[in-house]
All heavy atoms as atom14 arrays in JSON, in Angstrom:
{
  "sequence": "NPVLVPTIRVRVKFRSIYHELNISSIASFGDLKKMLTGPTGLHH",
  "atom14_mask": [
    [1, 1, 1, 1, 1, 1, 1, 1, 0, 0, 0, 0, 0, 0],
    [1, 1, 1, 1, 1, 1, 1, 0, 0, 0, 0, 0, 0, 0],
    [1, 1, 1, 1, 1, 1, 1, 0, 0, 0, 0, 0, 0, 0],
    [1, 1, 1, 1, 1, 1, 1, 1, 0, 0, 0, 0, 0, 0],
    [1, 1, 1, 1, 1, 1, 1, 0, 0, 0, 0, 0, 0, 0],
    [1, 1, 1, 1, 1, 1, 1, 0, 0, 0, 0, 0, 0, 0],
    [1, 1, 1, 1, 1, 1, 1, 0, 0, 0, 0, 0, 0, 0],
    [1, 1, 1, 1, 1, 1, 1, 1, 0, 0, 0, 0, 0, 0],
    [1, 1, 1, 1, 1, 1, 1, 1, 1, 1, 1, 0, 0, 0],
    [1, 1, 1, 1, 1, 1, 1, 0, 0, 0, 0, 0, 0, 0],
    [1, 1, 1, 1, 1, 1, 1, 1, 1, 1, 1, 0, 0, 0],
    [1, 1, 1, 1, 1, 1, 1, 0, 0, 0, 0, 0, 0, 0],
    [1, 1, 1, 1, 1, 1, 1, 1, 1, 0, 0, 0, 0, 0],
    [1, 1, 1, 1, 1, 1, 1, 1, 1, 1, 1, 0, 0, 0],
    [1, 1, 1, 1, 1, 1, 1, 1, 1, 1, 1, 0, 0, 0],
    [1, 1, 1, 1, 1, 1, 0, 0, 0, 0, 0, 0, 0, 0],
    [1, 1, 1, 1, 1, 1, 1, 1, 0, 0, 0, 0, 0, 0],
    [1, 1, 1, 1, 1, 1, 1, 1, 1, 1, 1, 1, 0, 0],
    [1, 1, 1, 1, 1, 1, 1, 1, 1, 1, 0, 0, 0, 0],
    [1, 1, 1, 1, 1, 1, 1, 1, 1, 0, 0, 0, 0, 0],
    [1, 1, 1, 1, 1, 1, 1, 1, 0, 0, 0, 0, 0, 0],
    [1, 1, 1, 1, 1, 1, 1, 1, 0, 0, 0, 0, 0, 0],
    [1, 1, 1, 1, 1, 1, 1, 1, 0, 0, 0, 0, 0, 0],
    [1, 1, 1, 1, 1, 1, 0, 0, 0, 0, 0, 0, 0, 0],
    [1, 1, 1, 1, 1, 1, 0, 0, 0, 0, 0, 0, 0, 0],
    [1, 1, 1, 1, 1, 1, 1, 1, 0, 0, 0, 0, 0, 0],
    [1, 1, 1, 1, 1, 0, 0, 0, 0, 0, 0, 0, 0, 0],
    [1, 1, 1, 1, 1, 1, 0, 0, 0, 0, 0, 0, 0, 0],
    [1, 1, 1, 1, 1, 1, 1, 1, 1, 1, 1, 0, 0, 0],
    [1, 1, 1, 1, 0, 0, 0, 0, 0, 0, 0, 0, 0, 0],
    [1, 1, 1, 1, 1, 1, 1, 1, 0, 0, 0, 0, 0, 0],
    [1, 1, 1, 1, 1, 1, 1, 1, 0, 0, 0, 0, 0, 0],
    [1, 1, 1, 1, 1, 1, 1, 1, 1, 0, 0, 0, 0, 0],
    [1, 1, 1, 1, 1, 1, 1, 1, 1, 0, 0, 0, 0, 0],
    [1, 1, 1, 1, 1, 1, 1, 1, 0, 0, 0, 0, 0, 0],
    [1, 1, 1, 1, 1, 1, 1, 1, 0, 0, 0, 0, 0, 0],
    [1, 1, 1, 1, 1, 1, 1, 0, 0, 0, 0, 0, 0, 0],
    [1, 1, 1, 1, 0, 0, 0, 0, 0, 0, 0, 0, 0, 0],
    [1, 1, 1, 1, 1, 1, 1, 0, 0, 0, 0, 0, 0, 0],
    [1, 1, 1, 1, 1, 1, 1, 0, 0, 0, 0, 0, 0, 0],
    [1, 1, 1, 1, 0, 0, 0, 0, 0, 0, 0, 0, 0, 0],
    [1, 1, 1, 1, 1, 1, 1, 1, 0, 0, 0, 0, 0, 0],
    [1, 1, 1, 1, 1, 1, 1, 1, 1, 1, 0, 0, 0, 0],
    [1, 1, 1, 1, 1, 1, 1, 1, 1, 1, 0, 0, 0, 0]
  ],
  "atom14_positions": [
    [[13.39, 15.48, 18.45], [12.52, 14.59, 17.69], [13.3, 13.83, 16.65], [14.11, 14.4, 15.93], [11.4, 15.38, 16.99], [10.38, 15.9, 17.99], [10.29, 15.37, 19.08], [9.63, 16.91, 17.6], [0.0, 0.0, 0.0], [0.0, 0.0, 0.0], [0.0, 0.0, 0.0], [0.0, 0.0, 0.0], [0.0, 0.0, 0.0], [0.0, 0.0, 0.0]],
    [[13.06, 12.49, 16.52], [13.75, 11.72, 15.48], [13.21, 12.09, 14.1], [12.12, 12.64, 13.97], [13.39, 10.27, 15.83], [12.09, 10.37, 16.57], [12.17, 11.67, 17.34], [0.0, 0.0, 0.0], [0.0, 0.0, 0.0], [0.0, 0.0, 0.0], [0.0, 0.0, 0.0], [0.0, 0.0, 0.0], [0.0, 0.0, 0.0], [0.0, 0.0, 0.0]],
    [[13.97, 11.76, 13.09], [13.54, 12.05, 11.73], [12.35, 11.19, 11.38], [12.36, 9.98, 11.6], [14.7, 11.77, 10.74], [14.26, 12.02, 9.31], [15.91, 12.63, 11.09], [0.0, 0.0, 0.0], [0.0, 0.0, 0.0], [0.0, 0.0, 0.0], [0.0, 0.0, 0.0], [0.0, 0.0, 0.0], [0.0, 0.0, 0.0], [0.0, 0.0, 0.0]],
    [[11.29, 11.8, 10.85], [10.09, 11.06, 10.51], [10.32, 10.2, 9.28], [10.99, 10.61, 8.35], [8.94, 12.04, 10.27], [8.52, 12.89, 11.47], [7.41, 13.85, 11.06], [8.06, 12.01, 12.62], [0.0, 0.0, 0.0], [0.0, 0.0, 0.0], [0.0, 0.0, 0.0], [0.0, 0.0, 0.0], [0.0, 0.0, 0.0], [0.0, 0.0, 0.0]],
    [[9.72, 9.0, 9.3], [9.82, 8.1, 8.15], [8.89, 8.62, 7.05], [7.71, 8.84, 7.3], [9.42, 6.66, 8.54], [9.44, 5.75, 7.32], [10.34, 6.13, 9.64], [0.0, 0.0, 0.0], [0.0, 0.0, 0.0], [0.0, 0.0, 0.0], [0.0, 0.0, 0.0], [0.0, 0.0, 0.0], [0.0, 0.0, 0.0], [0.0, 0.0, 0.0]],
    [[9.38, 8.81, 5.85], [8.55, 9.36, 4.78], [7.47, 8.39, 4.33], [7.63, 7.18, 4.4], [9.56, 9.65, 3.66], [10.68, 8.68, 3.92], [10.77, 8.56, 5.4], [0.0, 0.0, 0.0], [0.0, 0.0, 0.0], [0.0, 0.0, 0.0], [0.0, 0.0, 0.0], [0.0, 0.0, 0.0], [0.0, 0.0, 0.0], [0.0, 0.0, 0.0]],
    [[6.37, 8.95, 3.87], [5.28, 8.17, 3.29], [5.34, 8.28, 1.78], [5.55, 9.37, 1.24], [3.91, 8.69, 3.79], [3.84, 8.52, 5.21], [2.76, 7.91, 3.14], [0.0, 0.0, 0.0], [0.0, 0.0, 0.0], [0.0, 0.0, 0.0], [0.0, 0.0, 0.0], [0.0, 0.0, 0.0], [0.0, 0.0, 0.0], [0.0, 0.0, 0.0]],
    [[5.2, 7.15, 1.11], [5.25, 7.15, -0.35], [3.88, 6.77, -0.91], [3.05, 6.18, -0.2], [6.32, 6.17, -0.88], [6.03, 4.75, -0.39], [7.71, 6.62, -0.45], [6.98, 3.7, -0.95], [0.0, 0.0, 0.0], [0.0, 0.0, 0.0], [0.0, 0.0, 0.0], [0.0, 0.0, 0.0], [0.0, 0.0, 0.0], [0.0, 0.0, 0.0]],
    [[3.65, 7.12, -2.16], [2.4, 6.79, -2.83], [2.73, 5.83, -3.97], [3.52, 6.14, -4.86], [1.72, 8.05, -3.37], [0.3, 7.79, -3.91], [-0.38, 9.12, -4.23], [-1.77, 8.93, -4.63], [-2.78, 8.77, -3.79], [-2.55, 8.76, -2.49], [-4.02, 8.61, -4.24], [0.0, 0.0, 0.0], [0.0, 0.0, 0.0], [0.0, 0.0, 0.0]],
    [[2.11, 4.65, -3.91], [2.38, 3.63, -4.93], [1.11, 3.33, -5.72], [0.0, 3.51, -5.23], [2.91, 2.33, -4.28], [4.24, 2.58, -3.59], [1.9, 1.77, -3.28], [0.0, 0.0, 0.0], [0.0, 0.0, 0.0], [0.0, 0.0, 0.0], [0.0, 0.0, 0.0], [0.0, 0.0, 0.0], [0.0, 0.0, 0.0], [0.0, 0.0, 0.0]],
    [[1.32, 2.87, -6.95], [0.21, 2.48, -7.83], [0.24, 0.97, -8.02], [1.26, 0.4, -8.4], [0.31, 3.17, -9.19], [0.17, 4.69, -9.12], [0.05, 5.25, -10.53], [-1.23, 4.9, -11.12], [-1.52, 5.01, -12.43], [-0.58, 5.42, -13.27], [-2.71, 4.7, -12.88], [0.0, 0.0, 0.0], [0.0, 0.0, 0.0], [0.0, 0.0, 0.0]],
    [[-0.89, 0.34, -7.7], [-0.97, -1.11, -7.8], [-2.05, -1.47, -8.81], [-3.22, -1.08, -8.67], [-1.29, -1.76, -6.44], [-1.33, -3.27, -6.57], [-0.27, -1.35, -5.39], [0.0, 0.0, 0.0], [0.0, 0.0, 0.0], [0.0, 0.0, 0.0], [0.0, 0.0, 0.0], [0.0, 0.0, 0.0], [0.0, 0.0, 0.0], [0.0, 0.0, 0.0]],
    [[-1.67, -2.21, -9.85], [-2.62, -2.63, -10.87], [-3.19, -4.0, -10.52], [-2.47, -4.97, -10.33], [-1.95, -2.7, -12.24], [-2.91, -3.08, -13.36], [-2.2, -3.17, -14.7], [-3.18, -3.57, -15.81], [-2.5, -3.69, -17.12], [0.0, 0.0, 0.0], [0.0, 0.0, 0.0], [0.0, 0.0, 0.0], [0.0, 0.0, 0.0], [0.0, 0.0, 0.0]],
    [[-4.53, -4.08, -10.43], [-5.22, -5.34, -10.19], [-6.26, -5.51, -11.27], [-7.21, -4.74, -11.36], [-5.86, -5.35, -8.8], [-6.62, -6.6, -8.5], [-6.02, -7.85, -8.59], [-7.96, -6.54, -8.11], [-6.73, -9.0, -8.31], [-8.67, -7.7, -7.83], [-8.05, -8.93, -7.92], [0.0, 0.0, 0.0], [0.0, 0.0, 0.0], [0.0, 0.0, 0.0]],
    [[-6.05, -6.51, -12.11], [-6.86, -6.7, -13.3], [-6.72, -5.45, -14.18], [-5.63, -5.15, -14.64], [-8.3, -7.01, -12.92], [-8.44, -8.36, -12.17], [-9.82, -8.58, -11.62], [-9.85, -9.86, -10.87], [-10.82, -10.18, -10.04], [-11.84, -9.35, -9.83], [-10.79, -11.35, -9.42], [0.0, 0.0, 0.0], [0.0, 0.0, 0.0], [0.0, 0.0, 0.0]],
    [[-7.8, -4.72, -14.4], [-7.69, -3.53, -15.26], [-7.81, -2.23, -14.47], [-7.93, -1.15, -15.04], [-8.79, -3.56, -16.33], [-10.08, -3.61, -15.72], [0.0, 0.0, 0.0], [0.0, 0.0, 0.0], [0.0, 0.0, 0.0], [0.0, 0.0, 0.0], [0.0, 0.0, 0.0], [0.0, 0.0, 0.0], [0.0, 0.0, 0.0], [0.0, 0.0, 0.0]],
    [[-7.74, -2.33, -13.15], [-7.95, -1.16, -12.29], [-6.65, -0.84, -11.55], [-5.95, -1.74, -11.08], [-9.08, -1.4, -11.28], [-10.39, -1.72, -12.02], [-9.28, -0.18, -10.38], [-11.54, -2.07, -11.09], [0.0, 0.0, 0.0], [0.0, 0.0, 0.0], [0.0, 0.0, 0.0], [0.0, 0.0, 0.0], [0.0, 0.0, 0.0], [0.0, 0.0, 0.0]],
    [[-6.34, 0.45, -11.47], [-5.18, 0.91, -10.7], [-5.64, 1.44, -9.34], [-6.61, 2.21, -9.27], [-4.44, 2.01, -11.46], [-3.59, 1.5, -12.6], [-4.12, 1.39, -13.89], [-2.27, 1.13, -12.4], [-3.35, 0.92, -14.94], [-1.48, 0.66, -13.45], [-2.03, 0.56, -14.71], [-1.26, 0.09, -15.74], [0.0, 0.0, 0.0], [0.0, 0.0, 0.0]],
    [[-4.96, 1.04, -8.32], [-5.25, 1.5, -6.96], [-4.03, 2.27, -6.45], [-2.91, 1.77, -6.5], [-5.55, 0.33, -6.03], [-6.72, -0.5, -6.44], [-8.02, -0.17, -6.13], [-6.77, -1.65, -7.18], [-8.83, -1.09, -6.63], [-8.11, -2.0, -7.28], [0.0, 0.0, 0.0], [0.0, 0.0, 0.0], [0.0, 0.0, 0.0], [0.0, 0.0, 0.0]],
    [[-4.25, 3.48, -5.97], [-3.17, 4.3, -5.42], [-3.29, 4.32, -3.9], [-4.36, 4.62, -3.35], [-3.23, 5.72, -5.98], [-2.94, 5.79, -7.48], [-2.76, 7.21, -7.97], [-3.01, 8.15, -7.17], [-2.38, 7.39, -9.14], [0.0, 0.0, 0.0], [0.0, 0.0, 0.0], [0.0, 0.0, 0.0], [0.0, 0.0, 0.0], [0.0, 0.0, 0.0]],
    [[-2.2, 4.0, -3.23], [-2.19, 3.94, -1.78], [-0.99, 4.67, -1.2], [0.09, 4.66, -1.79], [-2.16, 2.49, -1.29], [-3.33, 1.58, -1.68], [-3.02, 0.82, -2.95], [-3.63, 0.6, -0.55], [0.0, 0.0, 0.0], [0.0, 0.0, 0.0], [0.0, 0.0, 0.0], [0.0, 0.0, 0.0], [0.0, 0.0, 0.0], [0.0, 0.0, 0.0]],
    [[-1.21, 5.3, -0.06], [-0.13, 5.92, 0.71], [0.33, 4.93, 1.77], [-0.5, 4.4, 2.53], [-0.61, 7.22, 1.37], [-0.94, 8.29, 0.34], [-0.26, 8.42, -0.68], [-2.0, 9.06, 0.59], [0.0, 0.0, 0.0], [0.0, 0.0, 0.0], [0.0, 0.0, 0.0], [0.0, 0.0, 0.0], [0.0, 0.0, 0.0], [0.0, 0.0, 0.0]],
    [[1.63, 4.69, 1.83], [2.16, 3.71, 2.77], [3.56, 4.13, 3.21], [4.26, 4.85, 2.49], [2.21, 2.3, 2.11], [2.57, 1.23, 3.13], [3.14, 2.27, 0.92], [2.4, -0.19, 2.62], [0.0, 0.0, 0.0], [0.0, 0.0, 0.0], [0.0, 0.0, 0.0], [0.0, 0.0, 0.0], [0.0, 0.0, 0.0], [0.0, 0.0, 0.0]],
    [[3.95, 3.7, 4.39], [5.28, 4.0, 4.89], [6.34, 3.4, 3.97], [6.19, 2.28, 3.49], [5.44, 3.46, 6.31], [6.8, 3.53, 6.73], [0.0, 0.0, 0.0], [0.0, 0.0, 0.0], [0.0, 0.0, 0.0], [0.0, 0.0, 0.0], [0.0, 0.0, 0.0], [0.0, 0.0, 0.0], [0.0, 0.0, 0.0], [0.0, 0.0, 0.0]],
    [[7.39, 4.14, 3.75], [8.44, 3.66, 2.84], [9.19, 2.45, 3.38], [9.86, 1.74, 2.62], [9.44, 4.8, 2.58], [10.07, 5.21, 3.79], [0.0, 0.0, 0.0], [0.0, 0.0, 0.0], [0.0, 0.0, 0.0], [0.0, 0.0, 0.0], [0.0, 0.0, 0.0], [0.0, 0.0, 0.0], [0.0, 0.0, 0.0], [0.0, 0.0, 0.0]],
    [[9.09, 2.2, 4.69], [9.79, 1.06, 5.28], [8.83, -0.08, 5.61], [9.18, -1.0, 6.35], [10.57, 1.48, 6.54], [9.62, 2.03, 7.61], [11.65, 2.48, 6.2], [10.31, 2.31, 8.94], [0.0, 0.0, 0.0], [0.0, 0.0, 0.0], [0.0, 0.0, 0.0], [0.0, 0.0, 0.0], [0.0, 0.0, 0.0], [0.0, 0.0, 0.0]],
    [[7.6, -0.02, 5.09], [6.63, -1.08, 5.33], [7.01, -2.33, 4.53], [7.85, -2.3, 3.63], [5.23, -0.62, 4.95], [0.0, 0.0, 0.0], [0.0, 0.0, 0.0], [0.0, 0.0, 0.0], [0.0, 0.0, 0.0], [0.0, 0.0, 0.0], [0.0, 0.0, 0.0], [0.0, 0.0, 0.0], [0.0, 0.0, 0.0], [0.0, 0.0, 0.0]],
    [[6.37, -3.45, 4.85], [6.63, -4.69, 4.14], [5.56, -4.9, 3.07], [4.52, -4.24, 3.05], [6.61, -5.87, 5.12], [5.29, -6.06, 5.64], [0.0, 0.0, 0.0], [0.0, 0.0, 0.0], [0.0, 0.0, 0.0], [0.0, 0.0, 0.0], [0.0, 0.0, 0.0], [0.0, 0.0, 0.0], [0.0, 0.0, 0.0], [0.0, 0.0, 0.0]],
    [[5.83, -5.85, 2.17], [4.84, -6.18, 1.15], [3.6, -6.8, 1.79], [2.5, -6.68, 1.27], [5.46, -7.14, 0.13], [6.33, -6.45, -0.88], [7.67, -6.22, -0.62], [5.82, -6.0, -2.09], [8.49, -5.58, -1.54], [6.62, -5.35, -3.02], [7.96, -5.14, -2.75], [0.0, 0.0, 0.0], [0.0, 0.0, 0.0], [0.0, 0.0, 0.0]],
    [[3.79, -7.47, 2.93], [2.65, -8.01, 3.66], [1.73, -6.9, 4.15], [0.5, -7.03, 4.12], [0.0, 0.0, 0.0], [0.0, 0.0, 0.0], [0.0, 0.0, 0.0], [0.0, 0.0, 0.0], [0.0, 0.0, 0.0], [0.0, 0.0, 0.0], [0.0, 0.0, 0.0], [0.0, 0.0, 0.0], [0.0, 0.0, 0.0], [0.0, 0.0, 0.0]],
    [[2.32, -5.8, 4.61], [1.53, -4.65, 5.04], [0.73, -4.08, 3.87], [-0.44, -3.71, 4.02], [2.44, -3.56, 5.63], [3.15, -4.01, 6.89], [2.58, -4.83, 7.62], [4.29, -3.56, 7.12], [0.0, 0.0, 0.0], [0.0, 0.0, 0.0], [0.0, 0.0, 0.0], [0.0, 0.0, 0.0], [0.0, 0.0, 0.0], [0.0, 0.0, 0.0]],
    [[1.37, -4.01, 2.72], [0.71, -3.48, 1.53], [-0.43, -4.4, 1.1], [-1.51, -3.92, 0.69], [1.72, -3.34, 0.39], [1.19, -2.76, -0.93], [0.53, -1.41, -0.72], [2.32, -2.64, -1.95], [0.0, 0.0, 0.0], [0.0, 0.0, 0.0], [0.0, 0.0, 0.0], [0.0, 0.0, 0.0], [0.0, 0.0, 0.0], [0.0, 0.0, 0.0]],
    [[-0.25, -5.7, 1.22], [-1.31, -6.64, 0.87], [-2.54, -6.44, 1.75], [-3.68, -6.49, 1.27], [-0.8, -8.08, 1.0], [0.18, -8.5, -0.08], [0.63, -9.94, 0.12], [1.58, -10.39, -0.97], [2.02, -11.79, -0.78], [0.0, 0.0, 0.0], [0.0, 0.0, 0.0], [0.0, 0.0, 0.0], [0.0, 0.0, 0.0], [0.0, 0.0, 0.0]],
    [[-2.31, -6.23, 3.04], [-3.43, -6.01, 3.95], [-4.18, -4.73, 3.6], [-5.4, -4.66, 3.73], [-2.92, -5.95, 5.4], [-2.4, -7.3, 5.91], [-1.88, -7.2, 7.32], [-1.36, -8.55, 7.8], [-0.81, -8.48, 9.19], [0.0, 0.0, 0.0], [0.0, 0.0, 0.0], [0.0, 0.0, 0.0], [0.0, 0.0, 0.0], [0.0, 0.0, 0.0]],
    [[-3.46, -3.7, 3.17], [-4.11, -2.46, 2.76], [-4.92, -2.65, 1.49], [-5.92, -1.96, 1.27], [-3.05, -1.36, 2.57], [-2.35, -0.94, 3.83], [-1.09, 0.36, 3.54], [-2.13, 1.7, 2.98], [0.0, 0.0, 0.0], [0.0, 0.0, 0.0], [0.0, 0.0, 0.0], [0.0, 0.0, 0.0], [0.0, 0.0, 0.0], [0.0, 0.0, 0.0]],
    [[-4.5, -3.59, 0.64], [-5.19, -3.83, -0.63], [-6.43, -4.71, -0.47], [-7.23, -4.83, -1.4], [-4.23, -4.49, -1.63], [-3.14, -3.58, -2.2], [-2.05, -4.41, -2.86], [-3.74, -2.61, -3.21], [0.0, 0.0, 0.0], [0.0, 0.0, 0.0], [0.0, 0.0, 0.0], [0.0, 0.0, 0.0], [0.0, 0.0, 0.0], [0.0, 0.0, 0.0]],
    [[-6.59, -5.32, 0.7], [-7.75, -6.19, 0.92], [-9.06, -5.43, 0.76], [-10.0, -5.93, 0.13], [-7.69, -6.82, 2.32], [-6.51, -7.63, 2.42], [-8.91, -7.68, 2.59], [0.0, 0.0, 0.0], [0.0, 0.0, 0.0], [0.0, 0.0, 0.0], [0.0, 0.0, 0.0], [0.0, 0.0, 0.0], [0.0, 0.0, 0.0], [0.0, 0.0, 0.0]],
    [[-9.11, -4.2, 1.3], [-10.33, -3.41, 1.21], [-10.71, -3.03, -0.22], [-11.81, -3.38, -0.69], [0.0, 0.0, 0.0], [0.0, 0.0, 0.0], [0.0, 0.0, 0.0], [0.0, 0.0, 0.0], [0.0, 0.0, 0.0], [0.0, 0.0, 0.0], [0.0, 0.0, 0.0], [0.0, 0.0, 0.0], [0.0, 0.0, 0.0], [0.0, 0.0, 0.0]],
    [[-9.85, -2.32, -0.93], [-10.21, -1.87, -2.28], [-10.36, -2.98, -3.31], [-11.1, -2.84, -4.28], [-9.06, -0.92, -2.66], [-7.92, -1.31, -1.78], [-8.54, -1.77, -0.5], [0.0, 0.0, 0.0], [0.0, 0.0, 0.0], [0.0, 0.0, 0.0], [0.0, 0.0, 0.0], [0.0, 0.0, 0.0], [0.0, 0.0, 0.0], [0.0, 0.0, 0.0]],
    [[-9.68, -4.11, -3.12], [-9.75, -5.19, -4.1], [-10.72, -6.3, -3.72], [-11.17, -7.07, -4.58], [-8.36, -5.81, -4.32], [-7.92, -6.43, -3.1], [-7.36, -4.76, -4.74], [0.0, 0.0, 0.0], [0.0, 0.0, 0.0], [0.0, 0.0, 0.0], [0.0, 0.0, 0.0], [0.0, 0.0, 0.0], [0.0, 0.0, 0.0], [0.0, 0.0, 0.0]],
    [[-11.04, -6.41, -2.42], [-11.89, -7.49, -1.96], [-11.19, -8.83, -1.94], [-11.83, -9.88, -1.8], [0.0, 0.0, 0.0], [0.0, 0.0, 0.0], [0.0, 0.0, 0.0], [0.0, 0.0, 0.0], [0.0, 0.0, 0.0], [0.0, 0.0, 0.0], [0.0, 0.0, 0.0], [0.0, 0.0, 0.0], [0.0, 0.0, 0.0], [0.0, 0.0, 0.0]],
    [[-9.87, -8.82, -2.07], [-9.09, -10.04, -2.13], [-8.36, -10.23, -0.81], [-7.65, -9.33, -0.35], [-8.09, -9.96, -3.28], [-7.38, -11.25, -3.72], [-8.38, -12.27, -4.23], [-6.34, -10.95, -4.79], [0.0, 0.0, 0.0], [0.0, 0.0, 0.0], [0.0, 0.0, 0.0], [0.0, 0.0, 0.0], [0.0, 0.0, 0.0], [0.0, 0.0, 0.0]],
    [[-8.55, -11.39, -0.19], [-7.89, -11.66, 1.09], [-6.38, -11.56, 0.93], [-5.82, -11.97, -0.09], [-8.26, -13.06, 1.58], [-7.93, -13.32, 3.02], [-6.67, -13.71, 3.44], [-8.68, -13.23, 4.14], [-6.67, -13.86, 4.74], [-7.88, -13.58, 5.2], [0.0, 0.0, 0.0], [0.0, 0.0, 0.0], [0.0, 0.0, 0.0], [0.0, 0.0, 0.0]],
    [[-5.72, -11.01, 1.95], [-4.28, -10.77, 1.82], [-3.49, -12.06, 1.62], [-2.41, -12.04, 1.03], [-3.76, -9.98, 3.03], [-3.81, -10.74, 4.33], [-2.79, -11.51, 4.78], [-4.79, -10.82, 5.28], [-3.12, -12.04, 5.95], [-4.33, -11.65, 6.28], [0.0, 0.0, 0.0], [0.0, 0.0, 0.0], [0.0, 0.0, 0.0], [0.0, 0.0, 0.0]]
  ]
}
C-alpha cells in the first residue's frame, strides 16, 4: 500500500465567523473554495 496523504484541519475566517474544515494536505485553494461554498453561502 502507498503512503496515505495526510488530512489537515484549517481555520478560515469569513467576516466574524471561523470555519474549520478537514482537507487533503495536497489539495488546491480552488478545492478549499468549493468546500467553503456550503458553510459560507458564497459561490466559489
